[in-house]
């Protein structure tokens, strides 16, 4: 997971640590990597990810375009990207995103 805000990154680390590697005695977690930084930072990689989730409600148009450029450059072909609120730009220099499905509904956090 990639989180820009240090406080939220710390909370994510604490939550993962509290799970002790499992959701239940019979259900282990896959390895989880947490990175504090921006998606366009050099040390942030997406090349091995099959599914990328972006809680993009607060990104705005500029933020979602920036995310699109970063994923277009860093994500592997065929990766599935899930966004909320904003759609990734369909195409950019060297990449093309294709919408697989659109879902509408309430966000009852």
N, C-alpha and C. Protein backbone atom coordinates (compact mmCIF):
# COMPACT_ATOMS: atom_id res chain seq x y z
N UNK A 1 0.81 -1.17 0.00
CA UNK A 1 0.00 0.00 0.00
C UNK A 1 0.86 1.24 0.00
N UNK A 2 0.42 2.26 -0.67
CA UNK A 2 1.13 3.53 -0.75
C UNK A 2 0.26 4.60 -0.10
N UNK A 3 0.82 5.30 0.85
CA UNK A 3 0.09 6.38 1.52
C UNK A 3 0.98 7.61 1.58
N UNK A 4 0.46 8.72 1.12
CA UNK A 4 1.20 9.98 1.12
C UNK A 4 1.33 10.57 2.52
N UNK A 5 0.28 10.52 3.30
CA UNK A 5 0.26 11.17 4.61
C UNK A 5 0.92 10.30 5.68
N UNK A 6 1.95 10.83 6.36
CA UNK A 6 2.68 10.03 7.35
C UNK A 6 1.78 9.44 8.45
N UNK A 7 0.81 10.19 8.94
CA UNK A 7 -0.07 9.70 10.00
C UNK A 7 -0.89 8.50 9.57
N UNK A 8 -1.44 8.56 8.36
CA UNK A 8 -2.22 7.43 7.85
C UNK A 8 -1.32 6.22 7.56
N UNK A 9 -0.11 6.49 7.10
CA UNK A 9 0.85 5.41 6.86
C UNK A 9 1.17 4.69 8.17
N UNK A 10 1.40 5.46 9.23
CA UNK A 10 1.69 4.87 10.55
C UNK A 10 0.51 4.02 11.03
N UNK A 11 -0.70 4.53 10.85
CA UNK A 11 -1.90 3.77 11.26
C UNK A 11 -1.99 2.45 10.48
N UNK A 12 -1.68 2.48 9.20
CA UNK A 12 -1.71 1.26 8.40
C UNK A 12 -0.68 0.26 8.90
N UNK A 13 0.52 0.74 9.20
CA UNK A 13 1.57 -0.14 9.73
C UNK A 13 1.13 -0.78 11.04
N UNK A 14 0.54 0.01 11.92
CA UNK A 14 0.08 -0.51 13.22
C UNK A 14 -1.03 -1.55 13.03
N UNK A 15 -1.93 -1.29 12.10
CA UNK A 15 -3.03 -2.23 11.85
C UNK A 15 -2.50 -3.55 11.32
N UNK A 16 -1.60 -3.49 10.35
CA UNK A 16 -1.02 -4.72 9.79
C UNK A 16 -0.26 -5.48 10.88
N UNK A 17 0.52 -4.78 11.68
CA UNK A 17 1.28 -5.43 12.76
C UNK A 17 0.35 -6.10 13.76
N UNK A 18 -0.78 -5.46 14.06
CA UNK A 18 -1.71 -6.02 15.05
C UNK A 18 -2.36 -7.31 14.57
N UNK A 19 -2.39 -7.54 13.26
CA UNK A 19 -3.01 -8.75 12.72
C UNK A 19 -2.11 -9.97 12.88
N UNK A 20 -0.83 -9.76 13.09
CA UNK A 20 0.09 -10.87 13.29
C UNK A 20 0.17 -11.83 12.12
N UNK A 21 -0.06 -11.35 10.92
CA UNK A 21 0.08 -12.19 9.74
C UNK A 21 -1.14 -13.02 9.37
N UNK A 22 -2.25 -12.84 10.11
CA UNK A 22 -3.43 -13.64 9.80
C UNK A 22 -4.71 -12.88 10.14
N UNK A 23 -5.75 -13.14 9.38
CA UNK A 23 -7.06 -12.57 9.68
C UNK A 23 -7.81 -13.43 10.69
N UNK A 24 -7.46 -14.71 10.71
CA UNK A 24 -8.04 -15.65 11.67
C UNK A 24 -7.05 -16.80 11.83
N UNK A 25 -7.30 -17.72 12.76
CA UNK A 25 -6.37 -18.85 12.93
C UNK A 25 -6.20 -19.69 11.66
N UNK A 26 -7.18 -19.67 10.78
CA UNK A 26 -7.10 -20.50 9.56
C UNK A 26 -6.91 -19.70 8.28
N UNK A 27 -6.81 -18.38 8.40
CA UNK A 27 -6.70 -17.54 7.20
C UNK A 27 -5.50 -16.61 7.31
N UNK A 28 -4.41 -16.99 6.67
CA UNK A 28 -3.18 -16.18 6.68
C UNK A 28 -3.29 -15.04 5.68
N UNK A 29 -2.54 -13.98 5.95
CA UNK A 29 -2.47 -12.85 5.02
C UNK A 29 -1.37 -13.08 3.99
N UNK A 30 -1.59 -12.59 2.79
CA UNK A 30 -0.51 -12.53 1.82
C UNK A 30 0.47 -11.46 2.30
N UNK A 31 1.70 -11.50 1.82
CA UNK A 31 2.65 -10.45 2.24
C UNK A 31 2.10 -9.06 1.92
N UNK A 32 2.27 -8.15 2.86
CA UNK A 32 1.80 -6.77 2.70
C UNK A 32 2.99 -5.83 2.79
N UNK A 33 3.14 -5.00 1.77
CA UNK A 33 4.20 -3.99 1.76
C UNK A 33 3.54 -2.62 1.86
N UNK A 34 3.97 -1.84 2.84
CA UNK A 34 3.45 -0.48 3.02
C UNK A 34 4.57 0.51 2.76
N UNK A 35 4.27 1.51 1.93
CA UNK A 35 5.26 2.51 1.55
C UNK A 35 4.67 3.89 1.82
N UNK A 36 5.45 4.75 2.46
CA UNK A 36 5.02 6.13 2.68
C UNK A 36 5.64 6.98 1.59
N UNK A 37 4.79 7.63 0.81
CA UNK A 37 5.28 8.47 -0.28
C UNK A 37 4.20 8.67 -1.32
N UNK A 38 4.58 9.26 -2.42
CA UNK A 38 3.67 9.54 -3.52
C UNK A 38 3.81 8.46 -4.59
N UNK A 39 2.73 8.19 -5.30
CA UNK A 39 2.75 7.17 -6.34
C UNK A 39 3.75 7.48 -7.44
N UNK A 40 4.12 8.74 -7.60
CA UNK A 40 5.07 9.06 -8.67
C UNK A 40 6.52 9.11 -8.17
N UNK A 41 6.74 8.83 -6.89
CA UNK A 41 8.11 8.78 -6.36
C UNK A 41 8.85 7.58 -6.95
N UNK A 42 10.14 7.74 -7.16
CA UNK A 42 10.94 6.70 -7.78
C UNK A 42 10.92 5.39 -6.99
N UNK A 43 10.89 5.46 -5.66
CA UNK A 43 10.94 4.24 -4.84
C UNK A 43 9.60 3.49 -4.77
N UNK A 44 8.55 4.08 -5.30
CA UNK A 44 7.23 3.43 -5.29
C UNK A 44 7.07 2.65 -6.59
N UNK A 45 6.85 1.33 -6.45
CA UNK A 45 6.76 0.45 -7.61
C UNK A 45 5.39 -0.24 -7.66
N UNK A 46 4.92 -0.49 -8.87
CA UNK A 46 3.67 -1.21 -9.08
C UNK A 46 3.84 -2.39 -10.04
N UNK A 47 5.05 -2.64 -10.48
CA UNK A 47 5.31 -3.61 -11.55
C UNK A 47 4.92 -5.03 -11.25
N UNK A 48 4.83 -5.43 -9.99
CA UNK A 48 4.45 -6.80 -9.63
C UNK A 48 2.99 -6.92 -9.24
N UNK A 49 2.27 -5.82 -9.19
CA UNK A 49 0.90 -5.82 -8.68
C UNK A 49 -0.10 -6.23 -9.75
N UNK A 50 -0.97 -7.18 -9.38
CA UNK A 50 -2.05 -7.61 -10.28
C UNK A 50 -3.28 -6.73 -10.13
N UNK A 51 -3.54 -6.28 -8.89
CA UNK A 51 -4.69 -5.43 -8.60
C UNK A 51 -4.20 -4.22 -7.80
N UNK A 52 -4.60 -3.04 -8.22
CA UNK A 52 -4.21 -1.79 -7.57
C UNK A 52 -5.50 -1.05 -7.21
N UNK A 53 -5.66 -0.73 -5.93
CA UNK A 53 -6.84 -0.01 -5.47
C UNK A 53 -6.45 1.40 -5.07
N UNK A 54 -7.17 2.38 -5.58
CA UNK A 54 -6.91 3.78 -5.23
C UNK A 54 -8.19 4.40 -4.68
N UNK A 55 -8.18 4.71 -3.40
CA UNK A 55 -9.31 5.41 -2.80
C UNK A 55 -9.17 6.87 -3.21
N UNK A 56 -9.68 7.16 -4.39
CA UNK A 56 -9.38 8.41 -5.09
C UNK A 56 -10.39 9.53 -4.87
N UNK A 57 -11.24 9.40 -3.88
CA UNK A 57 -12.30 10.38 -3.67
C UNK A 57 -11.77 11.80 -3.50
N UNK A 58 -10.64 11.96 -2.84
CA UNK A 58 -10.11 13.30 -2.57
C UNK A 58 -9.04 13.75 -3.58
N UNK A 59 -8.79 12.98 -4.63
CA UNK A 59 -7.70 13.31 -5.55
C UNK A 59 -8.01 14.51 -6.44
N UNK A 60 -9.23 14.63 -6.92
CA UNK A 60 -9.55 15.67 -7.90
C UNK A 60 -9.00 15.28 -9.26
N UNK A 61 -9.31 16.07 -10.27
CA UNK A 61 -8.89 15.77 -11.64
C UNK A 61 -7.37 15.75 -11.79
N UNK A 62 -6.69 16.72 -11.20
CA UNK A 62 -5.23 16.78 -11.32
C UNK A 62 -4.58 15.55 -10.67
N UNK A 63 -5.09 15.16 -9.51
CA UNK A 63 -4.53 14.01 -8.82
C UNK A 63 -4.75 12.71 -9.58
N UNK A 64 -5.93 12.53 -10.15
CA UNK A 64 -6.22 11.29 -10.87
C UNK A 64 -5.43 11.23 -12.17
N UNK A 65 -5.17 12.38 -12.78
CA UNK A 65 -4.33 12.40 -13.98
C UNK A 65 -2.89 12.05 -13.62
N UNK A 66 -2.40 12.55 -12.49
CA UNK A 66 -1.06 12.21 -12.03
C UNK A 66 -0.96 10.72 -11.72
N UNK A 67 -1.97 10.16 -11.06
CA UNK A 67 -1.99 8.73 -10.77
C UNK A 67 -2.00 7.93 -12.07
N UNK A 68 -2.78 8.37 -13.04
CA UNK A 68 -2.83 7.68 -14.34
C UNK A 68 -1.47 7.65 -15.01
N UNK A 69 -0.75 8.77 -14.99
CA UNK A 69 0.59 8.80 -15.58
C UNK A 69 1.53 7.85 -14.85
N UNK A 70 1.48 7.87 -13.51
CA UNK A 70 2.36 7.00 -12.72
C UNK A 70 2.06 5.53 -12.99
N UNK A 71 0.77 5.15 -12.96
CA UNK A 71 0.42 3.76 -13.21
C UNK A 71 0.70 3.36 -14.64
N UNK A 72 0.48 4.29 -15.57
CA UNK A 72 0.78 4.00 -16.97
C UNK A 72 2.25 3.69 -17.18
N UNK A 73 3.11 4.35 -16.42
CA UNK A 73 4.55 4.14 -16.54
C UNK A 73 5.04 2.95 -15.71
N UNK A 74 4.37 2.65 -14.58
CA UNK A 74 4.92 1.68 -13.62
C UNK A 74 4.17 0.36 -13.54
N UNK A 75 2.88 0.34 -13.82
CA UNK A 75 2.09 -0.89 -13.66
C UNK A 75 2.33 -1.82 -14.85
N UNK A 76 2.19 -3.11 -14.59
CA UNK A 76 2.38 -4.08 -15.67
C UNK A 76 1.14 -4.13 -16.54
N UNK A 77 1.33 -4.55 -17.78
CA UNK A 77 0.20 -4.74 -18.69
C UNK A 77 -0.77 -5.74 -18.08
N UNK A 78 -2.04 -5.43 -18.11
CA UNK A 78 -3.06 -6.33 -17.60
C UNK A 78 -3.41 -6.12 -16.14
N UNK A 79 -2.69 -5.24 -15.44
CA UNK A 79 -3.03 -4.97 -14.04
C UNK A 79 -4.43 -4.37 -13.99
N UNK A 80 -5.17 -4.72 -12.95
CA UNK A 80 -6.51 -4.18 -12.76
C UNK A 80 -6.42 -3.04 -11.74
N UNK A 81 -6.94 -1.87 -12.10
CA UNK A 81 -6.92 -0.70 -11.23
C UNK A 81 -8.35 -0.38 -10.83
N UNK A 82 -8.59 -0.31 -9.52
CA UNK A 82 -9.90 0.03 -9.00
C UNK A 82 -9.81 1.43 -8.40
N UNK A 83 -10.66 2.33 -8.85
CA UNK A 83 -10.69 3.71 -8.34
C UNK A 83 -12.07 4.02 -7.79
N UNK A 84 -12.13 5.00 -6.91
CA UNK A 84 -13.40 5.50 -6.42
C UNK A 84 -13.57 6.93 -6.92
N UNK A 85 -14.77 7.31 -7.19
CA UNK A 85 -15.14 8.69 -7.53
C UNK A 85 -14.64 9.15 -8.90
N UNK A 86 -13.34 9.09 -9.14
CA UNK A 86 -12.76 9.59 -10.40
C UNK A 86 -12.26 8.44 -11.26
N UNK A 87 -12.40 8.58 -12.57
CA UNK A 87 -11.87 7.59 -13.51
C UNK A 87 -10.47 8.00 -13.93
N UNK A 88 -9.63 6.99 -14.14
CA UNK A 88 -8.31 7.26 -14.70
C UNK A 88 -8.47 7.80 -16.12
N UNK A 89 -7.56 8.65 -16.56
CA UNK A 89 -7.62 9.08 -17.96
C UNK A 89 -7.44 7.85 -18.85
N UNK A 90 -8.21 7.77 -19.92
CA UNK A 90 -8.21 6.58 -20.75
C UNK A 90 -6.86 6.28 -21.37
N UNK A 91 -6.17 7.31 -21.79
CA UNK A 91 -4.88 7.08 -22.44
C UNK A 91 -3.92 8.22 -22.16
N UNK A 92 -2.66 7.90 -22.31
CA UNK A 92 -1.59 8.88 -22.15
C UNK A 92 -0.38 8.39 -22.91
N UNK A 93 0.72 9.05 -22.74
CA UNK A 93 1.93 8.69 -23.46
C UNK A 93 2.40 7.29 -23.06
N UNK A 94 2.24 6.33 -23.96
CA UNK A 94 2.73 4.98 -23.73
C UNK A 94 1.79 4.07 -22.96
N UNK A 95 0.56 4.48 -22.70
CA UNK A 95 -0.36 3.60 -21.98
C UNK A 95 -1.80 3.82 -22.41
N UNK A 96 -2.61 2.79 -22.12
CA UNK A 96 -4.04 2.82 -22.42
C UNK A 96 -4.76 2.08 -21.29
N UNK A 97 -5.75 2.72 -20.68
CA UNK A 97 -6.59 2.06 -19.69
C UNK A 97 -7.93 1.75 -20.33
N UNK A 98 -8.49 0.61 -19.99
CA UNK A 98 -9.80 0.20 -20.51
C UNK A 98 -10.71 -0.05 -19.32
N UNK A 99 -11.88 0.60 -19.32
CA UNK A 99 -12.83 0.42 -18.23
C UNK A 99 -13.47 -0.97 -18.36
N UNK A 100 -13.37 -1.74 -17.28
CA UNK A 100 -13.97 -3.07 -17.27
C UNK A 100 -15.39 -3.04 -16.73
N UNK A 101 -15.61 -2.19 -15.72
CA UNK A 101 -16.92 -2.14 -15.09
C UNK A 101 -17.05 -0.84 -14.32
N UNK A 102 -18.26 -0.33 -14.26
CA UNK A 102 -18.56 0.86 -13.47
C UNK A 102 -19.67 0.50 -12.49
N UNK A 103 -19.46 0.85 -11.22
CA UNK A 103 -20.42 0.52 -10.19
C UNK A 103 -20.82 1.81 -9.48
N UNK A 104 -22.10 1.98 -9.23
CA UNK A 104 -22.60 3.16 -8.51
C UNK A 104 -23.26 2.72 -7.23
N UNK A 105 -23.14 3.53 -6.20
CA UNK A 105 -23.80 3.22 -4.94
C UNK A 105 -23.30 4.13 -3.84
N UNK A 106 -23.91 4.00 -2.69
CA UNK A 106 -23.52 4.81 -1.53
C UNK A 106 -22.20 4.32 -0.96
N UNK A 107 -21.44 5.25 -0.42
CA UNK A 107 -20.21 4.93 0.29
C UNK A 107 -20.52 5.05 1.78
N UNK A 108 -20.97 3.98 2.36
CA UNK A 108 -21.34 3.97 3.77
C UNK A 108 -20.16 3.52 4.61
N UNK A 109 -19.21 4.41 4.80
CA UNK A 109 -18.01 4.08 5.57
C UNK A 109 -18.44 3.62 6.90
